[in-house]
Amino acid sequence: MTEWSLSVLLSGLHDEIEQKLATARKAFQHPGTKGDASEGVWLEMLETYLPKRYQATKGQVVDSTGGISDQIDVLIFDRQYSPFIFEFQGQIIIPAEAVYAAFEAKQSINAAQVEYAQKKIASVRRLHRTSLPIPTAMGVLPPKPLHHIIGGLVTFESDWDPQLGKPLLDALAGQKEDGRLDLGCVAAHGIFMCDDDGCHVATPLAKAATAFLFELIARLQTCATVPMIDIRAYAKWLAT
């Protein structure tokens, strides 16, 4: 009988991510190329391990009023219930109703990157989302309340000493709701989490990438499904 260990399997998942991020940091000199490689590592992990109802990509988010977000490194969205995803010349545009989460992916975490990520996440959360009543075999259900879009920052390293601790918590202090970073991972050191009760860190954490993935899935589960999109709200743009 083959011997195996769940602990070893979970460690291997983290080790793979950390090694790929370290390689991207060392192998590429151009900042843009290095950044693209790091984003690719996180996207590959999410596409591989998230349940199939979710999809992860780099892109922008649009709403039915014509508003559009900044470019976001990692968008997690529902493909099954999204009636349209635009792709043009490598640019992907996703309707706001389909989005579950938005993350920025950087080489290292510091105060400037925290503030930058907050502004990026806010550009997604400020968009308008529709939600229609839901027809079912048992009758029509009321519109689903809009879920909180999960936002965060993922990196390989930290510029702080200690790597995760008071400097990070100070940077996160006083976050506004539209830009709040709910979840983050510094693969070499640990993770951080924020909610209505405040922020805390988990460090040192030997399997940070795996812990981040599991916490993200748990939070996605609380979102349930995306709201029923009002496709006619988008169709009005056909007449302009």
Protein backbone atom coordinates (compact mmCIF):
# COMPACT_ATOMS: atom_id res chain seq x y z
CA MET A 1 0.00 0.00 0.00
CA THR A 2 1.36 3.41 -1.01
CA GLU A 3 2.18 5.70 1.90
CA TRP A 4 1.22 9.33 1.57
CA SER A 5 0.88 12.38 3.80
CA LEU A 6 -1.62 15.23 3.54
CA SER A 7 0.89 17.48 5.30
CA VAL A 8 3.53 16.73 2.65
CA LEU A 9 1.04 17.37 -0.17
CA LEU A 10 0.01 20.76 1.25
CA SER A 11 3.64 21.72 1.85
CA GLY A 12 4.42 20.80 -1.74
CA LEU A 13 1.73 23.14 -3.04
CA HIS A 14 3.21 26.06 -1.11
CA ASP A 15 6.80 25.15 -1.99
CA GLU A 16 5.91 25.12 -5.68
CA ILE A 17 4.40 28.60 -5.54
CA GLU A 18 7.22 30.07 -3.45
CA GLN A 19 9.87 28.59 -5.75
CA LYS A 20 8.19 29.94 -8.88
CA LEU A 21 7.88 33.42 -7.35
CA ALA A 22 11.54 33.33 -6.29
CA THR A 23 12.57 32.26 -9.79
CA ALA A 24 10.56 35.07 -11.37
CA ARG A 25 12.22 37.58 -9.04
CA LYS A 26 15.73 36.36 -9.87
CA ALA A 27 15.43 35.42 -13.53
CA PHE A 28 14.01 38.62 -15.01
CA GLN A 29 15.62 42.05 -14.82
CA HIS A 30 12.95 44.17 -16.52
CA PRO A 31 10.35 45.23 -13.91
CA GLY A 32 7.43 44.72 -16.31
CA THR A 33 8.55 41.23 -17.29
CA LYS A 34 9.21 40.35 -13.67
CA GLY A 35 5.75 41.60 -12.70
CA ASP A 36 4.04 39.68 -15.48
CA ALA A 37 5.81 36.50 -14.42
CA SER A 38 4.73 36.93 -10.80
CA GLU A 39 1.13 37.61 -11.79
CA GLY A 40 1.25 34.48 -13.94
CA VAL A 41 2.32 32.35 -10.97
CA TRP A 42 -0.64 33.45 -8.86
CA LEU A 43 -3.10 33.13 -11.74
CA GLU A 44 -1.84 29.64 -12.54
CA MET A 45 -2.29 28.57 -8.91
CA LEU A 46 -5.84 29.91 -8.76
CA GLU A 47 -6.85 28.44 -12.10
CA THR A 48 -5.46 25.07 -11.00
CA TYR A 49 -6.84 24.83 -7.47
CA LEU A 50 -10.00 26.96 -7.28
CA PRO A 51 -13.30 25.11 -7.84
CA LYS A 52 -14.26 25.13 -11.52
CA ARG A 53 -17.17 27.54 -11.00
CA TYR A 54 -14.51 30.25 -10.65
CA GLN A 55 -12.13 31.65 -13.23
CA ALA A 56 -9.10 33.89 -12.66
CA THR A 57 -7.62 36.39 -15.09
CA LYS A 58 -5.99 39.77 -15.43
CA GLY A 59 -8.39 42.40 -16.72
CA GLN A 60 -10.80 45.25 -16.14
CA VAL A 61 -14.36 45.41 -14.85
CA VAL A 62 -17.21 47.29 -16.51
CA ASP A 63 -20.70 48.20 -15.29
CA SER A 64 -24.01 48.90 -17.01
CA THR A 65 -23.63 52.68 -16.59
CA GLY A 66 -20.41 52.65 -18.64
CA GLY A 67 -18.05 52.83 -15.68
CA ILE A 68 -14.83 50.85 -15.86
CA SER A 69 -12.22 49.86 -13.28
CA ASP A 70 -8.47 50.16 -13.36
CA GLN A 71 -6.52 47.22 -14.78
CA ILE A 72 -6.49 44.53 -12.06
CA ASP A 73 -3.77 41.85 -11.80
CA VAL A 74 -6.06 39.06 -10.58
CA LEU A 75 -9.83 39.02 -11.02
CA ILE A 76 -11.82 36.03 -9.79
CA PHE A 77 -15.21 35.79 -11.45
CA ASP A 78 -18.08 33.47 -12.22
CA ARG A 79 -17.93 32.29 -15.82
CA GLN A 80 -20.97 30.00 -15.67
CA TYR A 81 -23.46 32.79 -14.99
CA SER A 82 -21.70 35.58 -16.90
CA PRO A 83 -23.46 36.12 -20.24
CA PHE A 84 -20.56 37.99 -21.78
CA ILE A 85 -16.83 38.37 -21.30
CA PHE A 86 -15.13 40.69 -23.77
CA GLU A 87 -11.64 39.90 -25.04
CA PHE A 88 -9.96 42.25 -27.46
CA GLN A 89 -6.26 42.36 -28.32
CA GLY A 90 -5.37 40.56 -25.12
CA GLN A 91 -7.54 42.82 -22.94
CA ILE A 92 -10.30 41.10 -20.94
CA ILE A 93 -13.39 43.00 -19.76
CA ILE A 94 -15.74 41.43 -17.19
CA PRO A 95 -19.19 42.67 -16.08
CA ALA A 96 -19.21 43.90 -12.50
CA GLU A 97 -21.95 41.47 -11.46
CA ALA A 98 -19.68 38.48 -12.23
CA VAL A 99 -16.77 39.50 -9.97
CA TYR A 100 -16.10 37.74 -6.68
CA ALA A 101 -12.62 39.04 -5.86
CA ALA A 102 -9.84 41.37 -7.02
CA PHE A 103 -6.15 41.18 -6.06
CA GLU A 104 -3.00 43.05 -6.92
CA ALA A 105 0.15 40.93 -7.34
CA LYS A 106 3.51 42.55 -6.56
CA GLN A 107 7.07 41.47 -5.89
CA SER A 108 7.18 42.84 -2.35
CA ILE A 109 4.80 44.39 0.15
CA ASN A 110 5.35 47.87 1.60
CA ALA A 111 3.24 50.90 2.52
CA ALA A 112 3.20 52.26 -1.03
CA GLN A 113 2.03 48.93 -2.47
CA VAL A 114 -0.69 48.63 0.17
CA GLU A 115 -2.02 52.08 -0.73
CA TYR A 116 -1.74 51.30 -4.46
CA ALA A 117 -3.69 48.04 -4.04
CA GLN A 118 -6.39 49.80 -2.00
CA LYS A 119 -6.98 52.31 -4.81
CA LYS A 120 -7.13 49.52 -7.39
CA ILE A 121 -9.62 47.48 -5.38
CA ALA A 122 -11.75 50.60 -4.76
CA SER A 123 -12.03 51.14 -8.53
CA VAL A 124 -13.79 47.76 -8.76
CA ARG A 125 -16.05 48.07 -5.72
CA ARG A 126 -17.33 51.51 -6.75
CA LEU A 127 -18.88 50.13 -9.93
CA HIS A 128 -22.64 49.68 -10.18
CA ARG A 129 -24.01 46.12 -9.99
CA THR A 130 -27.51 45.04 -10.97
CA SER A 131 -29.47 42.23 -9.29
CA LEU A 132 -32.78 40.91 -10.65
CA PRO A 133 -35.45 38.70 -9.06
CA ILE A 134 -34.64 35.01 -9.59
CA PRO A 135 -37.21 32.70 -11.25
CA THR A 136 -37.26 29.16 -9.82
CA ALA A 137 -39.54 26.12 -9.93
CA MET A 138 -40.82 27.17 -6.50
CA GLY A 139 -41.60 30.73 -7.58
CA VAL A 140 -39.71 33.98 -7.97
CA LEU A 141 -37.10 34.74 -5.34
CA PRO A 142 -36.17 38.33 -4.42
CA PRO A 143 -32.99 39.83 -5.91
CA LYS A 144 -29.83 38.48 -4.27
CA PRO A 145 -28.20 41.09 -2.03
CA LEU A 146 -24.90 42.21 -3.49
CA HIS A 147 -21.99 40.37 -1.92
CA HIS A 148 -18.84 42.08 -0.70
CA ILE A 149 -16.15 41.87 -3.37
CA ILE A 150 -13.07 40.35 -1.75
CA GLY A 151 -9.96 42.49 -2.22
CA GLY A 152 -6.32 41.92 -1.44
CA LEU A 153 -2.62 41.93 -2.22
CA VAL A 154 -0.29 38.99 -2.91
CA THR A 155 3.51 39.21 -2.96
CA PHE A 156 6.61 37.09 -2.60
CA GLU A 157 8.58 39.16 -0.08
CA SER A 158 8.22 42.01 2.41
CA ASP A 159 10.23 45.22 2.64
CA TRP A 160 9.43 45.56 6.35
CA ASP A 161 11.22 44.36 9.48
CA PRO A 162 9.47 42.47 10.95
CA GLN A 163 8.18 41.20 7.62
CA LEU A 164 4.56 41.09 8.77
CA GLY A 165 3.61 42.88 11.94
CA LYS A 166 3.10 46.42 13.23
CA PRO A 167 4.34 48.18 10.05
CA LEU A 168 1.81 46.23 8.00
CA LEU A 169 -0.98 46.76 10.52
CA ASP A 170 -0.17 50.49 10.58
CA ALA A 171 -0.41 50.60 6.78
CA LEU A 172 -3.78 48.83 6.92
CA ALA A 173 -5.13 50.99 9.75
CA GLY A 174 -7.99 53.29 8.92
CA GLN A 175 -8.88 51.56 5.67
CA LYS A 176 -12.00 52.81 3.92
CA GLU A 177 -14.60 50.17 3.08
CA ASP A 178 -14.32 50.61 -0.69
CA GLY A 179 -10.56 50.03 -0.63
CA ARG A 180 -10.20 47.57 2.25
CA LEU A 181 -7.73 44.74 1.72
CA ASP A 182 -9.52 41.71 3.13
CA LEU A 183 -6.87 39.10 2.50
CA GLY A 184 -3.20 39.04 1.56
CA CYS A 185 -0.31 36.67 1.19
CA VAL A 186 3.44 37.24 1.48
CA ALA A 187 4.51 33.81 0.28
CA ALA A 188 7.87 33.81 2.06
CA HIS A 189 6.42 34.76 5.44
CA GLY A 190 2.67 34.51 6.05
CA ILE A 191 -0.77 35.93 5.41
CA PHE A 192 -2.91 38.81 6.70
CA MET A 193 -6.69 39.09 7.05
CA CYS A 194 -9.07 41.97 7.68
CA ASP A 195 -12.77 42.20 8.46
CA ASP A 196 -15.18 44.55 10.20
CA ASP A 197 -13.43 43.83 13.52
CA GLY A 198 -9.95 44.83 12.33
CA CYS A 199 -6.82 43.27 10.86
CA HIS A 200 -4.41 40.59 12.03
CA VAL A 201 -1.47 38.66 10.62
CA ALA A 202 -0.43 35.01 10.69
CA THR A 203 3.36 34.81 10.68
CA PRO A 204 5.71 33.02 10.49
CA LEU A 205 3.71 30.58 8.38
CA ALA A 206 5.53 27.71 6.69
CA LYS A 207 2.76 27.07 4.15
CA ALA A 208 1.60 30.62 3.47
CA ALA A 209 0.45 30.11 -0.13
CA THR A 210 -1.64 27.08 0.83
CA ALA A 211 -3.13 28.91 3.84
CA PHE A 212 -4.01 31.85 1.57
CA LEU A 213 -5.69 29.54 -0.97
CA PHE A 214 -7.78 27.81 1.70
CA GLU A 215 -8.85 31.09 3.33
CA LEU A 216 -9.75 32.54 -0.07
CA ILE A 217 -11.92 29.52 -0.92
CA ALA A 218 -13.65 29.78 2.47
CA ARG A 219 -14.43 33.44 1.81
CA LEU A 220 -15.63 32.72 -1.72
CA GLN A 221 -18.03 30.13 -0.31
CA THR A 222 -19.70 32.81 1.81
CA CYS A 223 -20.41 34.83 -1.34
CA ALA A 224 -22.58 32.00 -2.73
CA THR A 225 -23.48 32.70 -6.38
CA VAL A 226 -23.28 36.03 -8.17
CA PRO A 227 -26.46 38.14 -8.57
CA MET A 228 -28.71 37.66 -11.58
CA ILE A 229 -27.44 40.27 -14.03
CA ASP A 230 -29.84 42.69 -15.70
CA ILE A 231 -28.65 42.14 -19.25
CA ARG A 232 -31.10 44.77 -20.58
CA ALA A 233 -29.24 47.39 -18.56
CA TYR A 234 -26.22 46.65 -20.73
CA ALA A 235 -28.25 46.25 -23.93
CA LYS A 236 -29.29 49.92 -23.80
CA TRP A 237 -25.77 50.77 -24.95
CA LEU A 238 -26.59 49.19 -28.33
CA ALA A 239 -28.66 52.27 -29.16
CA THR A 240 -25.88 54.80 -28.58
